Amino acid sequence: MQQILEIKCYSFIFAKVKLEITTMRNFLIIVVVFLSSSLLSGQQGEKVHWYSIEDVDRILAENPKPLFIDSFTDWCGWCKKLDKDTFSDSIIAKYLNENFYPVKFNAESKEPITFLGREFINDGKSGKAHQLAVALMQGKLSYPTVIFMNEKGQLLAPVPGYMGPKEFEPILVYFGDKKYLTQKWEEFSAGFKGSY
């Protein structure tokens, strides 16, 4: 009888230990999954400090710095994806903030805009596009398009289309580090070692 009680007691203890081990294992799995997803979504943290297109003349006069203009429309799904995937990436956001004045520009804005001392309007001659969008994209309207300009407000290049962070980083560095002054794009991109 005593042996049966001892066996039941040990069985109870082992069952309790087994339950505690299972609970601890499940807890550790949850912690690992949570940490992994936090790290893999990875690049959340720093955000782009956007300026409006109306701010450009003032900020360039105060402290000249290259411009990065995100030309978008309200209806553009790829523009929203670029915001969500690429501009929300902390590596991209940090680089943009440090090397450019990042500017948001609704290419179908109805309001007149003074940009680099010139007045632009949306006269409806290019569909819904604002005259400034037509000028910045050199008449080749496509959304999204990002526009790189130097600190003097001279157009360097409009770059159309959606790109994820990995594809976008070399373009950003090419213009941000002024590699365009000394290297052709093909040479630069072939040797580029990125963060991804």
Protein backbone atom coordinates (compact mmCIF):
# COMPACT_ATOMS: atom_id res chain seq x y z
CA MET A 1 0.00 0.00 0.00
CA GLN A 2 2.82 2.36 0.94
CA GLN A 3 4.59 1.58 -2.37
CA ILE A 4 1.43 2.44 -4.30
CA LEU A 5 1.19 5.76 -2.45
CA GLU A 6 4.87 6.48 -3.12
CA ILE A 7 4.43 5.66 -6.82
CA LYS A 8 1.33 7.89 -7.04
CA CYS A 9 3.20 10.64 -5.22
CA TYR A 10 6.17 10.37 -7.62
CA SER A 11 3.79 10.23 -10.59
CA PHE A 12 2.13 13.41 -9.34
CA ILE A 13 5.51 15.14 -8.87
CA PHE A 14 6.73 14.05 -12.33
CA ALA A 15 3.46 15.16 -13.92
CA LYS A 16 3.77 18.54 -12.21
CA VAL A 17 7.42 18.91 -13.30
CA LYS A 18 6.48 17.85 -16.85
CA LEU A 19 3.67 20.44 -16.87
CA GLU A 20 6.05 23.16 -15.64
CA ILE A 21 8.64 22.23 -18.29
CA THR A 22 5.98 22.29 -21.02
CA THR A 23 4.70 25.65 -19.81
CA MET A 24 8.22 27.07 -19.67
CA ARG A 25 9.00 25.71 -23.15
CA ASN A 26 5.82 27.28 -24.57
CA PHE A 27 6.67 30.57 -22.86
CA LEU A 28 10.18 30.54 -24.36
CA ILE A 29 8.78 29.77 -27.82
CA ILE A 30 6.44 32.76 -27.54
CA VAL A 31 9.29 35.03 -26.42
CA VAL A 32 11.55 33.86 -29.27
CA VAL A 33 8.79 34.34 -31.87
CA PHE A 34 8.01 37.82 -30.52
CA LEU A 35 11.66 38.89 -30.51
CA SER A 36 12.25 37.45 -33.97
CA SER A 37 9.28 39.24 -35.46
CA SER A 38 10.38 42.48 -33.82
CA LEU A 39 13.89 42.13 -35.23
CA LEU A 40 12.77 40.99 -38.67
CA SER A 41 10.25 43.74 -39.09
CA GLY A 42 13.53 45.16 -38.23
CA GLN A 43 13.88 48.42 -39.45
CA GLN A 44 11.11 50.12 -37.47
CA GLY A 45 12.15 53.00 -35.31
CA GLU A 46 13.39 56.21 -36.84
CA LYS A 47 10.85 57.97 -39.03
CA VAL A 48 11.36 60.31 -41.96
CA HIS A 49 10.92 63.97 -40.97
CA TRP A 50 8.96 65.16 -44.00
CA TYR A 51 8.79 68.78 -45.12
CA SER A 52 6.02 70.16 -47.31
CA ILE A 53 6.81 71.44 -50.80
CA GLU A 54 5.91 74.93 -49.56
CA ASP A 55 8.83 74.77 -47.05
CA VAL A 56 11.55 74.28 -49.67
CA ASP A 57 12.48 77.91 -50.40
CA ARG A 58 12.71 78.72 -46.68
CA ILE A 59 14.75 75.66 -45.63
CA LEU A 60 17.19 75.97 -48.53
CA ALA A 61 17.75 79.65 -47.69
CA GLU A 62 18.39 78.83 -44.01
CA ASN A 63 20.70 75.86 -44.52
CA PRO A 64 21.38 74.52 -48.05
CA LYS A 65 21.14 70.74 -48.29
CA PRO A 66 20.14 68.34 -51.11
CA LEU A 67 16.42 67.76 -51.66
CA PHE A 68 14.65 64.43 -51.87
CA ILE A 69 11.09 64.88 -53.16
CA ASP A 70 8.53 62.09 -52.94
CA SER A 71 5.99 62.88 -55.66
CA PHE A 72 2.77 60.97 -55.01
CA THR A 73 -0.98 61.05 -55.61
CA ASP A 74 -3.84 60.21 -53.27
CA TRP A 75 -5.06 57.32 -55.47
CA CYS A 76 -1.66 55.68 -56.04
CA GLY A 77 -1.41 52.25 -54.37
CA TRP A 78 2.33 51.92 -55.09
CA CYS A 79 2.90 55.31 -53.43
CA LYS A 80 1.26 54.00 -50.26
CA LYS A 81 3.35 50.82 -50.45
CA LEU A 82 6.53 52.91 -50.82
CA ASP A 83 5.56 54.80 -47.64
CA LYS A 84 4.74 51.59 -45.77
CA ASP A 85 7.69 49.42 -46.86
CA THR A 86 10.54 51.73 -47.76
CA PHE A 87 10.14 55.09 -46.04
CA SER A 88 9.17 53.39 -42.76
CA ASP A 89 12.43 51.41 -42.75
CA SER A 90 14.70 52.92 -40.07
CA ILE A 91 17.89 52.62 -42.18
CA ILE A 92 16.27 54.48 -45.08
CA ALA A 93 14.61 57.02 -42.77
CA LYS A 94 17.86 57.77 -40.94
CA TYR A 95 19.80 58.21 -44.19
CA LEU A 96 17.13 60.49 -45.67
CA ASN A 97 16.99 62.65 -42.53
CA GLU A 98 20.78 63.00 -42.32
CA ASN A 99 21.56 63.65 -45.99
CA PHE A 100 18.53 65.39 -47.50
CA TYR A 101 15.56 67.56 -46.84
CA PRO A 102 12.88 64.91 -47.43
CA VAL A 103 9.86 66.59 -49.04
CA LYS A 104 6.37 65.21 -49.71
CA PHE A 105 4.60 66.57 -52.78
CA ASN A 106 1.10 65.68 -53.94
CA ALA A 107 1.54 65.85 -57.70
CA GLU A 108 -2.16 66.59 -58.19
CA SER A 109 -2.33 69.44 -55.68
CA LYS A 110 -4.76 72.17 -56.72
CA GLU A 111 -2.99 74.99 -54.85
CA PRO A 112 -0.44 77.34 -56.44
CA ILE A 113 3.09 76.58 -55.22
CA THR A 114 6.11 78.84 -55.09
CA PHE A 115 9.14 76.60 -55.61
CA LEU A 116 12.68 77.96 -55.92
CA GLY A 117 11.30 81.43 -56.54
CA ARG A 118 8.91 80.38 -59.34
CA GLU A 119 5.14 80.13 -59.16
CA PHE A 120 3.57 76.86 -60.36
CA ILE A 121 -0.14 76.13 -60.71
CA ASN A 122 -2.36 73.22 -61.60
CA ASP A 123 -3.85 74.52 -64.84
CA GLY A 124 -5.39 71.19 -65.86
CA LYS A 125 -3.39 71.05 -69.11
CA SER A 126 -1.61 67.86 -68.03
CA GLY A 127 -4.67 66.02 -66.78
CA LYS A 128 -4.75 66.32 -63.02
CA ALA A 129 -1.00 66.89 -62.66
CA HIS A 130 0.40 70.08 -61.17
CA GLN A 131 2.81 72.09 -63.36
CA LEU A 132 5.50 71.53 -60.74
CA ALA A 133 5.10 67.75 -61.07
CA VAL A 134 5.41 68.04 -64.85
CA ALA A 135 8.60 70.12 -64.46
CA LEU A 136 10.20 67.88 -61.81
CA MET A 137 9.42 64.67 -63.74
CA GLN A 138 10.46 66.26 -67.04
CA GLY A 139 7.02 65.60 -68.53
CA LYS A 140 7.15 61.84 -67.83
CA LEU A 141 4.40 61.53 -65.22
CA SER A 142 4.59 58.32 -63.23
CA TYR A 143 3.72 57.60 -59.61
CA PRO A 144 5.48 57.21 -57.35
CA THR A 145 8.48 59.18 -58.57
CA VAL A 146 11.24 60.37 -56.26
CA ILE A 147 13.22 63.39 -57.32
CA PHE A 148 16.81 64.13 -56.33
CA MET A 149 18.00 67.74 -56.37
CA ASN A 150 21.26 69.25 -55.17
CA GLU A 151 21.50 71.92 -52.48
CA LYS A 152 21.22 74.64 -55.15
CA GLY A 153 17.86 73.27 -56.26
CA GLN A 154 19.21 71.84 -59.52
CA LEU A 155 17.48 68.70 -60.74
CA LEU A 156 19.73 65.64 -60.59
CA ALA A 157 17.28 62.90 -61.51
CA PRO A 158 13.67 61.82 -61.25
CA VAL A 159 13.51 58.11 -60.36
CA PRO A 160 10.10 56.55 -61.11
CA GLY A 161 8.54 53.46 -59.60
CA TYR A 162 8.25 51.49 -56.40
CA MET A 163 11.39 50.05 -54.77
CA GLY A 164 11.81 48.17 -51.52
CA PRO A 165 14.49 49.25 -49.02
CA LYS A 166 17.16 46.93 -50.46
CA GLU A 167 16.70 48.23 -54.02
CA PHE A 168 16.27 51.82 -52.89
CA GLU A 169 19.35 52.12 -50.65
CA PRO A 170 22.01 52.22 -53.42
CA ILE A 171 20.14 54.96 -55.30
CA LEU A 172 19.79 56.96 -52.11
CA VAL A 173 23.50 56.62 -51.29
CA TYR A 174 24.52 57.40 -54.89
CA PHE A 175 22.90 60.81 -54.65
CA GLY A 176 23.28 61.38 -50.90
CA ASP A 177 27.04 60.75 -50.88
CA LYS A 178 27.38 62.67 -54.18
CA LYS A 179 28.90 59.65 -55.92
CA TYR A 180 27.21 60.87 -59.12
CA LEU A 181 29.95 63.52 -59.32
CA THR A 182 32.75 60.96 -59.71
CA GLN A 183 31.17 57.65 -60.79
CA LYS A 184 28.75 56.38 -63.38
CA TRP A 185 25.72 54.63 -61.89
CA GLU A 186 26.69 51.24 -63.36
CA GLU A 187 30.13 51.37 -61.76
CA PHE A 188 28.78 52.52 -58.40
CA SER A 189 25.91 50.02 -58.21
CA ALA A 190 28.17 47.09 -59.20
CA GLY A 191 30.42 47.71 -56.18
CA PHE A 192 27.77 48.83 -53.68
CA LYS A 193 27.66 46.94 -50.37
CA GLY A 194 24.40 47.79 -48.64
CA SER A 195 22.87 47.29 -45.23
CA TYR A 196 20.51 44.48 -46.30
